[in-house]
Protein backbone atom coordinates (compact mmCIF):
# COMPACT_ATOMS: atom_id res chain seq x y z
CA GLU A 1 117.99 121.22 104.09
CA LYS A 2 118.84 123.38 107.07
CA LYS A 3 121.83 122.18 109.08
CA PRO A 4 120.82 120.80 112.49
CA TYR A 5 123.75 122.33 114.38
CA PHE A 6 123.27 125.33 116.61
CA ALA A 7 125.13 127.72 118.92
CA GLU A 8 123.66 130.10 121.48
CA PHE A 9 125.16 132.87 123.59
CA ALA A 10 123.71 135.31 126.12
CA VAL A 11 124.91 137.83 128.69
CA GLY A 12 122.90 139.61 131.33
CA TYR A 13 122.48 140.86 134.88
CA ASP A 14 119.99 140.11 137.63
CA THR A 15 120.00 140.50 141.40
CA GLN A 16 120.16 136.74 142.00
CA ARG A 17 123.29 135.96 139.93
CA LEU A 18 124.63 139.49 139.27
CA PHE A 19 126.52 139.46 135.94
CA TYR A 20 126.20 136.17 134.07
CA THR A 21 126.91 134.62 130.70
CA GLN A 22 125.44 131.52 129.06
CA ALA A 23 126.64 129.50 126.06
CA ALA A 24 125.37 126.33 124.38
CA VAL A 25 126.22 124.24 121.32
CA GLY A 26 124.51 121.17 119.97
CA ASP A 27 123.01 119.05 117.23
CA ASN A 28 119.23 118.77 116.77
CA ASN A 29 119.50 115.61 114.65
CA LEU A 30 122.36 113.57 116.09
CA LEU A 31 123.62 111.02 113.52
CA GLY A 32 120.34 111.52 111.65
CA LEU A 33 118.41 109.80 114.46
CA ASN A 34 116.17 112.74 115.53
CA LYS A 35 117.97 113.07 118.87
CA GLN A 36 119.30 116.31 120.33
CA LEU A 37 122.77 116.51 121.85
CA ARG A 38 123.37 119.72 123.80
CA ALA A 39 126.30 121.05 125.83
CA GLU A 40 125.76 124.19 127.87
CA LEU A 41 127.61 126.34 130.38
CA GLU A 42 126.47 129.16 132.62
CA TRP A 43 128.95 131.29 134.53
CA SER A 44 127.95 134.05 136.93
CA GLN A 45 129.30 135.96 139.91
CA ILE A 46 127.84 133.31 142.24
CA GLY A 47 129.20 130.23 140.46
CA TYR A 48 128.82 128.06 137.40
CA ARG A 49 126.88 125.13 135.96
CA ALA A 50 127.87 122.86 133.06
CA GLU A 51 125.64 120.18 131.53
CA LEU A 52 125.85 117.66 128.70
CA GLY A 53 122.44 116.29 127.73
CA LEU A 54 120.83 113.94 125.21
CA THR A 55 117.12 114.30 124.37
CA GLU A 56 115.08 111.52 122.78
CA PRO A 57 111.64 112.82 121.66
CA ARG A 58 110.17 109.31 121.21
CA PHE A 59 111.63 106.98 123.84
CA PHE A 60 111.68 103.45 122.34
CA GLY A 61 109.16 104.60 119.74
CA THR A 62 106.58 105.73 122.32
CA ARG A 63 105.09 109.17 122.94
CA ILE A 64 107.37 109.58 125.96
CA LYS A 65 110.14 112.18 125.79
CA SER A 66 113.41 111.32 127.53
CA HIS A 67 116.29 113.59 128.59
CA THR A 68 119.54 112.20 130.03
CA ALA A 69 122.20 114.53 131.41
CA LEU A 70 125.53 114.74 133.20
CA PHE A 71 126.14 117.94 135.17
CA THR A 72 128.44 119.78 137.55
CA GLU A 73 127.66 122.91 139.52
CA LYS A 74 129.27 125.25 142.03
CA LEU A 75 127.19 127.92 143.79
CA GLU A 76 127.94 130.57 146.44
CA GLU A 77 124.57 132.32 146.64
CA LEU A 78 124.29 135.86 147.95
CA ASN A 79 123.99 136.47 151.71
CA LYS A 80 124.71 132.84 152.60
CA ASP A 81 127.76 131.76 154.58
CA PHE A 82 128.11 128.47 152.69
CA GLY A 83 128.51 127.21 149.16
CA THR A 84 127.91 123.90 147.40
CA ARG A 85 129.65 121.77 144.78
CA THR A 86 127.49 119.20 143.02
CA TYR A 87 128.25 116.48 140.49
CA GLY A 88 125.63 114.16 139.13
CA ALA A 89 123.49 112.53 136.49
CA SER A 90 119.79 112.68 135.75
CA ASN A 91 117.17 111.01 133.58
CA ALA A 92 113.80 112.68 132.99
CA PHE A 93 110.70 111.34 131.25
CA SER A 94 107.65 113.35 130.21
CA ARG A 95 104.44 112.69 128.27
CA GLU A 96 101.32 114.62 127.36
CA LEU A 97 98.46 113.07 129.34
CA ALA A 98 95.59 115.24 128.08
CA LYS A 99 95.05 118.59 126.42
CA ASN A 100 97.32 121.15 128.16
CA LEU A 101 98.38 118.54 130.78
CA THR A 102 101.84 116.92 130.93
CA GLY A 103 103.15 114.35 133.38
CA SER A 104 106.81 113.81 134.23
CA LEU A 105 109.04 111.47 136.21
CA ASN A 106 112.64 112.46 136.93
CA PHE A 107 115.48 110.53 138.55
CA ARG A 108 118.68 112.18 139.76
CA PHE A 109 121.91 111.12 141.47
CA GLU A 110 123.97 113.81 143.20
CA TYR A 111 127.36 113.86 144.87
CA ARG A 112 127.15 117.03 146.96
CA GLU A 113 129.71 118.92 149.04
CA GLN A 114 128.84 121.86 151.30
CA TYR A 115 131.59 124.23 152.43
CA ARG A 116 131.98 127.51 154.33
CA THR A 117 132.56 130.73 152.40
CA ASP A 118 133.83 132.74 155.39
CA SER A 119 136.22 132.15 158.27
CA THR A 120 133.47 131.24 160.74
CA PRO A 121 134.15 127.78 162.21
CA ILE A 122 131.65 125.04 161.48
CA PRO A 123 129.30 124.54 164.46
CA GLU A 124 129.82 121.13 166.02
CA GLU A 125 126.15 120.22 165.60
CA ASP A 126 126.40 120.94 161.84
CA ALA A 127 129.65 119.07 161.16
CA ASP A 128 127.88 116.19 159.40
CA GLN A 129 126.38 118.62 156.85
CA TYR A 130 129.89 119.49 155.66
CA GLN A 131 130.82 115.90 154.85
CA PRO A 132 130.42 114.78 151.19
CA ARG A 133 126.95 113.29 150.63
CA SER A 134 125.55 110.99 147.95
CA ILE A 135 121.85 111.47 147.24
CA LEU A 136 119.20 109.73 145.13
CA VAL A 137 116.09 111.74 144.18
CA GLY A 138 112.92 110.72 142.35
CA THR A 139 110.50 113.46 141.26
CA PRO A 140 107.01 112.85 139.87
CA GLY A 141 105.31 116.00 138.59
CA LEU A 142 102.39 117.49 136.69
CA ALA A 143 102.22 120.64 134.54
CA TYR A 144 99.13 122.38 133.16
CA ASN A 145 99.33 125.20 130.60
CA SER A 146 96.35 126.85 128.89
CA THR A 147 97.98 130.22 128.13
CA ASP A 148 97.80 131.69 124.65
CA SER A 149 101.51 132.55 124.40
CA PHE A 150 104.75 131.39 126.00
CA ILE A 151 106.47 134.78 125.67
CA ARG A 152 103.61 137.25 126.26
CA PRO A 153 100.56 135.46 127.67
CA THR A 154 97.33 137.45 127.87
CA ARG A 155 94.97 134.77 129.16
CA GLY A 156 95.06 131.29 130.64
CA ILE A 157 96.76 129.44 133.49
CA ARG A 158 100.13 127.85 134.05
CA ALA A 159 100.34 125.48 137.01
CA THR A 160 103.00 123.00 138.14
CA GLY A 161 103.30 120.59 141.03
CA SER A 162 106.00 118.12 142.03
CA VAL A 163 107.45 116.22 144.97
CA ASP A 164 111.11 115.26 145.46
CA VAL A 165 111.48 111.88 147.16
CA SER A 166 115.05 112.27 148.41
CA SER A 167 117.20 109.61 150.07
CA GLY A 168 120.75 109.89 151.38
CA MET A 169 122.82 106.85 150.44
CA LYS A 170 125.03 106.91 153.55
CA ASN A 171 123.17 109.26 155.90
CA SER A 172 119.65 110.28 156.83
CA LEU A 173 120.18 114.04 156.43
CA ASP A 174 118.76 113.94 152.92
CA ASP A 175 115.79 111.69 153.72
CA PHE A 176 112.82 113.94 153.05
CA PHE A 177 109.86 114.76 150.83
CA LYS A 178 110.06 118.21 149.24
CA TYR A 179 106.77 119.50 147.83
CA ARG A 180 106.51 122.38 145.35
CA ALA A 181 103.51 123.97 143.64
CA GLU A 182 103.15 127.13 141.56
CA ILE A 183 100.31 128.76 139.66
CA ARG A 184 100.24 131.76 137.33
CA ALA A 185 97.04 133.22 135.93
CA TYR A 186 96.59 135.85 133.20
CA HIS A 187 93.52 137.88 132.30
CA THR A 188 93.09 140.73 129.77
CA PRO A 189 89.93 142.74 130.54
CA ILE A 190 90.71 145.37 127.90
CA GLN A 191 93.16 145.53 125.03
CA ARG A 192 96.76 146.34 126.05
CA VAL A 193 96.04 145.70 129.77
CA THR A 194 96.85 142.24 131.14
CA LEU A 195 96.48 141.34 134.80
CA ALA A 196 98.77 138.61 136.14
CA VAL A 197 98.95 136.83 139.48
CA ARG A 198 101.48 134.29 140.72
CA ALA A 199 101.49 132.10 143.83
CA ARG A 200 103.80 129.33 144.95
CA VAL A 201 104.30 127.13 147.99
CA GLY A 202 107.00 124.75 149.17
CA HIS A 203 107.16 122.33 152.08
CA ILE A 204 109.77 119.87 153.33
CA ASP A 205 108.80 116.82 155.38
CA PRO A 206 111.69 114.72 156.73
CA TYR A 207 111.12 111.00 157.15
CA GLY A 208 114.60 109.95 158.34
CA SER A 209 115.59 109.23 161.91
CA ARG A 210 117.26 112.65 162.33
CA GLY A 211 114.28 114.81 161.40
CA ARG A 212 116.73 117.60 160.46
CA ILE A 213 117.28 119.12 157.00
CA PRO A 214 120.73 120.38 155.84
CA GLU A 215 120.99 124.10 155.13
CA ASP A 216 121.72 123.56 151.45
CA GLN A 217 118.38 121.77 150.98
CA LEU A 218 116.16 124.42 152.62
CA PHE A 219 113.95 127.02 150.98
CA PHE A 220 115.18 130.64 151.04
CA LEU A 221 113.17 133.72 150.09
CA GLY A 222 113.97 137.33 149.35
CA GLY A 223 114.95 139.19 146.19
CA THR A 224 113.39 140.48 142.99
CA THR A 225 112.56 136.98 141.72
CA ASP A 226 110.21 136.22 144.64
CA VAL A 227 109.72 138.69 147.54
CA ARG A 228 110.79 142.17 146.46
CA GLY A 229 111.89 144.68 149.06
CA PHE A 230 114.20 142.13 150.75
CA SER A 231 117.79 141.36 149.83
CA GLU A 232 118.49 138.02 148.16
CA ASN A 233 117.70 135.11 150.52
CA LYS A 234 117.16 137.42 153.52
CA LEU A 235 113.41 137.47 154.08
CA ARG A 236 114.09 135.83 157.45
CA VAL A 237 117.36 135.77 159.38
CA ASP A 238 118.57 134.41 162.71
CA ASP A 239 120.14 136.29 165.62
CA GLN A 240 123.48 136.42 163.79
CA GLY A 241 121.88 137.88 160.66
CA ASP A 242 122.23 134.66 158.67
CA PRO A 243 119.28 133.58 156.46
């Protein structure tokens, strides 16, 4: 019988993270109970992320898949004058609802710190954003996939939609709904020629008394992974050149 242990390693470069490396080790059959234990680390020129996760493919004997994780992350993304440190835990549930359709429900707790990456003083009106924040997030979602291949699809549709219901535990800065949707479609009119189109949308709707969203929770665009021809995160900038 094949041993259930595994190790993975990768190195690469992209314009979002620059040089990066990833490593993971785990057990696909923890204690013979058909559970996966996985520890992974990603380090790049913009930060790192470490996660320890346990996956249960049949939660309490049902057809629901469960994934529980502890994580820590530090990011200083390109062309931003701030960085973030995050510590937290998450629990995600997913189940196939119909052919090609999967539903999910995720819960996450975050302890988040935002800090400046340059010598610019913190604006007085933004001082509360740079205090440590504790956040609870619930995320229902749907995913549809009718493509013929995960690696090289030639026909079909992939579509996802979700909404983060975020609540700050001691402040209203993180009280918002964050909506995301994405669709990818593939069509092959003749052999060896596949046409692909991708569209996505995001929207944030605050419901707290402040009606203001912290910088580290906003959407940013620009770079080869979304809008090419613009530097990372610099599709739109303010008068000071900050995204």
